[in-house]
C-alpha atoms as a PDB file:
ATOM      1  CA  UNK A   1      -0.027   0.110   0.049  1.00  0.00           C
ATOM      2  CA  UNK A   2       3.216   2.020   0.145  1.00  0.00           C
ATOM      3  CA  UNK A   3       2.592   5.543  -2.325  1.00  0.00           C
ATOM      4  CA  UNK A   4      -0.964   4.654  -2.960  1.00  0.00           C
ATOM      5  CA  UNK A   5      -2.007   7.295  -0.645  1.00  0.00           C
ATOM      6  CA  UNK A   6      -0.624  10.723  -1.110  1.00  0.00           C
ATOM      7  CA  UNK A   7      -0.261  12.961   1.857  1.00  0.00           C
ATOM      8  CA  UNK A   8      -3.014  15.697   2.611  1.00  0.00           C
ATOM      9  CA  UNK A   9      -1.987  18.934   3.351  1.00  0.00           C
ATOM     10  CA  UNK A  10      -4.157  21.867   4.816  1.00  0.00           C
ATOM     11  CA  UNK A  11      -4.143  24.385   2.647  1.00  0.00           C
ATOM     12  CA  UNK A  12      -6.386  26.302   5.333  1.00  0.00           C
ATOM     13  CA  UNK A  13      -7.357  26.125   8.879  1.00  0.00           C
ATOM     14  CA  UNK A  14     -10.902  26.911  10.779  1.00  0.00           C
ATOM     15  CA  UNK A  15      -9.657  30.159  11.362  1.00  0.00           C
ATOM     16  CA  UNK A  16      -8.414  31.280   8.155  1.00  0.00           C
ATOM     17  CA  UNK A  17     -11.451  30.148   6.480  1.00  0.00           C
ATOM     18  CA  UNK A  18     -13.683  31.982   8.813  1.00  0.00           C
ATOM     19  CA  UNK A  19     -11.392  35.013   8.173  1.00  0.00           C
ATOM     20  CA  UNK A  20     -11.787  34.426   4.180  1.00  0.00           C
ATOM     21  CA  UNK A  21     -15.341  33.942   4.584  1.00  0.00           C
ATOM     22  CA  UNK A  22     -15.559  37.540   6.369  1.00  0.00           C
ATOM     23  CA  UNK A  23     -13.452  39.281   3.484  1.00  0.00           C
ATOM     24  CA  UNK A  24     -15.321  37.741   0.707  1.00  0.00           C
ATOM     25  CA  UNK A  25     -18.793  39.060   2.084  1.00  0.00           C
ATOM     26  CA  UNK A  26     -17.156  42.577   2.925  1.00  0.00           C
ATOM     27  CA  UNK A  27     -16.062  42.696  -1.250  1.00  0.00           C
ATOM     28  CA  UNK A  28     -19.780  41.129  -2.260  1.00  0.00           C
ATOM     29  CA  UNK A  29     -21.325  43.891  -0.389  1.00  0.00           C
ATOM     30  CA  UNK A  30     -19.196  46.472  -1.618  1.00  0.00           C
ATOM     31  CA  UNK A  31     -18.983  45.327  -5.056  1.00  0.00           C
ATOM     32  CA  UNK A  32     -22.300  45.412  -5.314  1.00  0.00           C
ATOM     33  CA  UNK A  33     -23.210  48.352  -3.699  1.00  0.00           C
ATOM     34  CA  UNK A  34     -25.099  46.763  -0.918  1.00  0.00           C
ATOM     35  CA  UNK A  35     -27.308  44.269  -1.038  1.00  0.00           C
ATOM     36  CA  UNK A  36     -30.596  45.042  -3.161  1.00  0.00           C
ATOM     37  CA  UNK A  37     -31.791  42.704  -5.856  1.00  0.00           C
ATOM     38  CA  UNK A  38     -28.435  40.157  -4.578  1.00  0.00           C
ATOM     39  CA  UNK A  39     -29.473  36.386  -3.659  1.00  0.00           C
ATOM     40  CA  UNK A  40     -26.452  33.548  -3.018  1.00  0.00           C
ATOM     41  CA  UNK A  41     -26.900  30.358  -4.495  1.00  0.00           C
ATOM     42  CA  UNK A  42     -24.455  27.495  -2.729  1.00  0.00           C
ATOM     43  CA  UNK A  43     -22.946  24.330  -5.094  1.00  0.00           C
ATOM     44  CA  UNK A  44     -23.994  21.501  -3.051  1.00  0.00           C
ATOM     45  CA  UNK A  45     -22.046  20.027  -0.935  1.00  0.00           C
ATOM     46  CA  UNK A  46     -19.004  22.313  -0.153  1.00  0.00           C
ATOM     47  CA  UNK A  47     -20.515  25.167  -1.861  1.00  0.00           C
ATOM     48  CA  UNK A  48     -23.835  25.174   0.381  1.00  0.00           C
ATOM     49  CA  UNK A  49     -21.853  25.539   3.729  1.00  0.00           C
ATOM     50  CA  UNK A  50     -20.413  28.182   2.668  1.00  0.00           C
ATOM     51  CA  UNK A  51     -22.725  29.705   1.022  1.00  0.00           C
ATOM     52  CA  UNK A  52     -25.070  30.099   4.441  1.00  0.00           C
ATOM     53  CA  UNK A  53     -21.859  31.364   6.066  1.00  0.00           C
ATOM     54  CA  UNK A  54     -21.851  33.962   3.562  1.00  0.00           C
ATOM     55  CA  UNK A  55     -25.154  34.804   4.137  1.00  0.00           C
ATOM     56  CA  UNK A  56     -25.012  34.959   7.674  1.00  0.00           C
ATOM     57  CA  UNK A  57     -21.536  37.343   7.074  1.00  0.00           C
ATOM     58  CA  UNK A  58     -23.216  39.683   4.767  1.00  0.00           C
ATOM     59  CA  UNK A  59     -26.299  40.111   7.948  1.00  0.00           C
ATOM     60  CA  UNK A  60     -23.900  40.666  10.312  1.00  0.00           C
ATOM     61  CA  UNK A  61     -22.302  43.490   8.188  1.00  0.00           C
ATOM     62  CA  UNK A  62     -25.750  44.867   6.328  1.00  0.00           C
ATOM     63  CA  UNK A  63     -28.084  44.160   8.479  1.00  0.00           C
ATOM     64  CA  UNK A  64     -30.137  42.413   5.934  1.00  0.00           C
ATOM     65  CA  UNK A  65     -30.641  38.394   5.244  1.00  0.00           C
ATOM     66  CA  UNK A  66     -30.030  37.614   2.024  1.00  0.00           C
ATOM     67  CA  UNK A  67     -32.371  34.255  -0.109  1.00  0.00           C
ATOM     68  CA  UNK A  68     -30.112  31.386  -0.079  1.00  0.00           C
ATOM     69  CA  UNK A  69     -30.551  28.921  -2.263  1.00  0.00           C
ATOM     70  CA  UNK A  70     -28.533  25.730  -2.981  1.00  0.00           C
ATOM     71  CA  UNK A  71     -28.152  23.783  -6.318  1.00  0.00           C
ATOM     72  CA  UNK A  72     -27.658  20.234  -7.049  1.00  0.00           C
ATOM     73  CA  UNK A  73     -25.815  20.273 -10.710  1.00  0.00           C
ATOM     74  CA  UNK A  74     -25.604  16.428 -10.694  1.00  0.00           C
ATOM     75  CA  UNK A  75     -27.731  15.713 -13.874  1.00  0.00           C
ATOM     76  CA  UNK A  76     -25.522  19.368 -15.649  1.00  0.00           C
ATOM     77  CA  UNK A  77     -22.215  17.546 -15.552  1.00  0.00           C
ATOM     78  CA  UNK A  78     -20.853  16.781 -18.526  1.00  0.00           C
ATOM     79  CA  UNK A  79     -18.892  13.280 -17.244  1.00  0.00           C
ATOM     80  CA  UNK A  80     -22.268  11.462 -16.452  1.00  0.00           C
ATOM     81  CA  UNK A  81     -21.806   9.376 -19.412  1.00  0.00           C
ATOM     82  CA  UNK A  82     -18.196   8.536 -18.032  1.00  0.00           C
ATOM     83  CA  UNK A  83     -19.242   7.530 -14.489  1.00  0.00           C
ATOM     84  CA  UNK A  84     -19.705   4.218 -13.842  1.00  0.00           C
ATOM     85  CA  UNK A  85     -22.033   4.595 -11.096  1.00  0.00           C
ATOM     86  CA  UNK A  86     -25.116   6.158 -11.005  1.00  0.00           C
ATOM     87  CA  UNK A  87     -25.500   9.549  -9.556  1.00  0.00           C
ATOM     88  CA  UNK A  88     -26.874  10.263  -6.433  1.00  0.00           C
ATOM     89  CA  UNK A  89     -29.449  13.056  -6.965  1.00  0.00           C
ATOM     90  CA  UNK A  90     -29.851  15.444  -3.875  1.00  0.00           C
ATOM     91  CA  UNK A  91     -32.539  18.256  -3.795  1.00  0.00           C
ATOM     92  CA  UNK A  92     -32.090  22.094  -5.721  1.00  0.00           C
ATOM     93  CA  UNK A  93     -33.737  24.097  -3.063  1.00  0.00           C
ATOM     94  CA  UNK A  94     -34.182  27.629  -4.766  1.00  0.00           C
ATOM     95  CA  UNK A  95     -37.826  28.579  -3.191  1.00  0.00           C
ATOM     96  CA  UNK A  96     -37.568  32.429  -4.830  1.00  0.00           C
ATOM     97  CA  UNK A  97     -37.443  33.804  -8.189  1.00  0.00           C
ATOM     98  CA  UNK A  98     -34.189  34.280  -9.914  1.00  0.00           C
ATOM     99  CA  UNK A  99     -35.186  36.363 -12.449  1.00  0.00           C
ATOM    100  CA  UNK A 100     -34.033  40.173 -12.479  1.00  0.00           C
ATOM    101  CA  UNK A 101     -31.158  39.225  -9.886  1.00  0.00           C
ATOM    102  CA  UNK A 102     -27.727  39.501  -9.032  1.00  0.00           C
ATOM    103  CA  UNK A 103     -26.838  36.038  -8.390  1.00  0.00           C
ATOM    104  CA  UNK A 104     -23.343  34.968  -6.274  1.00  0.00           C
ATOM    105  CA  UNK A 105     -22.946  31.587  -6.930  1.00  0.00           C
ATOM    106  CA  UNK A 106     -20.857  29.848  -4.415  1.00  0.00           C
ATOM    107  CA  UNK A 107     -18.330  26.819  -4.475  1.00  0.00           C
ATOM    108  CA  UNK A 108     -15.388  25.926  -2.271  1.00  0.00           C
ATOM    109  CA  UNK A 109     -12.632  24.723  -4.703  1.00  0.00           C
ATOM    110  CA  UNK A 110     -12.476  26.433  -8.851  1.00  0.00           C
ATOM    111  CA  UNK A 111     -10.375  24.003 -10.570  1.00  0.00           C
ATOM    112  CA  UNK A 112     -11.400  23.561 -14.485  1.00  0.00           C
ATOM    113  CA  UNK A 113     -14.738  25.313 -14.190  1.00  0.00           C
ATOM    114  CA  UNK A 114     -16.677  22.641 -15.547  1.00  0.00           C
ATOM    115  CA  UNK A 115     -18.506  22.167 -12.261  1.00  0.00           C
ATOM    116  CA  UNK A 116     -19.773  26.207 -12.080  1.00  0.00           C
ATOM    117  CA  UNK A 117     -20.567  25.358 -16.122  1.00  0.00           C
ATOM    118  CA  UNK A 118     -23.092  23.104 -14.876  1.00  0.00           C
ATOM    119  CA  UNK A 119     -24.355  25.263 -12.212  1.00  0.00           C
ATOM    120  CA  UNK A 120     -24.810  28.278 -14.759  1.00  0.00           C
ATOM    121  CA  UNK A 121     -26.988  25.700 -16.842  1.00  0.00           C
ATOM    122  CA  UNK A 122     -28.630  24.686 -14.040  1.00  0.00           C
ATOM    123  CA  UNK A 123     -29.539  28.340 -12.835  1.00  0.00           C
ATOM    124  CA  UNK A 124     -30.932  29.360 -16.472  1.00  0.00           C
ATOM    125  CA  UNK A 125     -33.659  26.252 -16.054  1.00  0.00           C
ATOM    126  CA  UNK A 126     -34.904  28.603 -12.665  1.00  0.00           C
ATOM    127  CA  UNK A 127     -34.852  31.996 -14.863  1.00  0.00           C
ATOM    128  CA  UNK A 128     -32.913  34.887 -16.070  1.00  0.00           C
ATOM    129  CA  UNK A 129     -30.894  36.729 -13.444  1.00  0.00           C
ATOM    130  CA  UNK A 130     -29.184  40.001 -14.342  1.00  0.00           C
ATOM    131  CA  UNK A 131     -25.587  39.179 -13.458  1.00  0.00           C
ATOM    132  CA  UNK A 132     -23.900  35.964 -11.744  1.00  0.00           C
ATOM    133  CA  UNK A 133     -20.708  36.360  -9.985  1.00  0.00           C
ATOM    134  CA  UNK A 134     -18.645  33.691  -8.768  1.00  0.00           C
ATOM    135  CA  UNK A 135     -17.349  33.394  -4.950  1.00  0.00           C
ATOM    136  CA  UNK A 136     -14.953  30.628  -4.166  1.00  0.00           C
ATOM    137  CA  UNK A 137     -12.792  29.886  -1.109  1.00  0.00           C
ATOM    138  CA  UNK A 138      -9.578  28.399  -3.300  1.00  0.00           C
ATOM    139  CA  UNK A 139      -9.075  28.838  -6.954  1.00  0.00           C
ATOM    140  CA  UNK A 140      -6.771  26.266  -7.939  1.00  0.00           C
ATOM    141  CA  UNK A 141      -5.797  27.271 -11.655  1.00  0.00           C
ATOM    142  CA  UNK A 142      -5.613  24.911 -14.484  1.00  0.00           C
ATOM    143  CA  UNK A 143      -8.970  25.906 -16.208  1.00  0.00           C
ATOM    144  CA  UNK A 144     -10.502  24.158 -18.921  1.00  0.00           C
ATOM    145  CA  UNK A 145     -13.140  26.737 -19.459  1.00  0.00           C
ATOM    146  CA  UNK A 146     -13.285  30.223 -19.400  1.00  0.00           C
ATOM    147  CA  UNK A 147     -14.241  30.745 -16.174  1.00  0.00           C
ATOM    148  CA  UNK A 148     -13.069  33.110 -13.539  1.00  0.00           C
ATOM    149  CA  UNK A 149     -13.860  33.930  -9.704  1.00  0.00           C
ATOM    150  CA  UNK A 150     -14.958  37.459  -9.191  1.00  0.00           C
ATOM    151  CA  UNK A 151     -14.309  36.467  -5.297  1.00  0.00           C
ATOM    152  CA  UNK A 152     -11.142  34.184  -4.282  1.00  0.00           C
ATOM    153  CA  UNK A 153      -9.639  34.245  -0.926  1.00  0.00           C
ATOM    154  CA  UNK A 154      -6.468  31.755  -2.176  1.00  0.00           C
ATOM    155  CA  UNK A 155      -5.074  31.029  -5.189  1.00  0.00           C
ATOM    156  CA  UNK A 156      -3.123  27.671  -4.969  1.00  0.00           C
ATOM    157  CA  UNK A 157      -1.366  26.154  -8.201  1.00  0.00           C
ATOM    158  CA  UNK A 158      -0.151  22.876  -8.123  1.00  0.00           C
ATOM    159  CA  UNK A 159      -1.294  19.897  -6.311  1.00  0.00           C
ATOM    160  CA  UNK A 160      -1.478  21.141  -2.851  1.00  0.00           C
ATOM    161  CA  UNK A 161      -5.466  20.648  -3.101  1.00  0.00           C
ATOM    162  CA  UNK A 162      -6.138  17.319  -4.425  1.00  0.00           C
END
């Protein structure tokens, strides 16, 4: 078994993640000049947890609780046909209209951009937003699609997050 498992590296500890999310929350409010017409949508699973935390931080900053949606992108992935196992579908929860809203799409790690493309395709089935912005905790680079984060706390190149 030697050599089979790569040693995992901790890129951010809990305190650093907390600080990063606070910083991103402030950036979101500043870039959007407040919270008008703004909603957050987290990609299941990591992005959903982060989106909930961002909503809480923004509430602390602005005194406004933003609408929060949770998005399952399973059926929109472009690698479904290559998977040996059947995908496990989870619930998408967007209990509000996204039409004419500014959406901050939240995920934990941005890598190839394919998950974000799937998320944007999925969102379009719910309406036509004014704008979609992307917030991620970590940007790994190595893009396969022309997608970039509007808010990213840590840019990592190489295999640190693998």
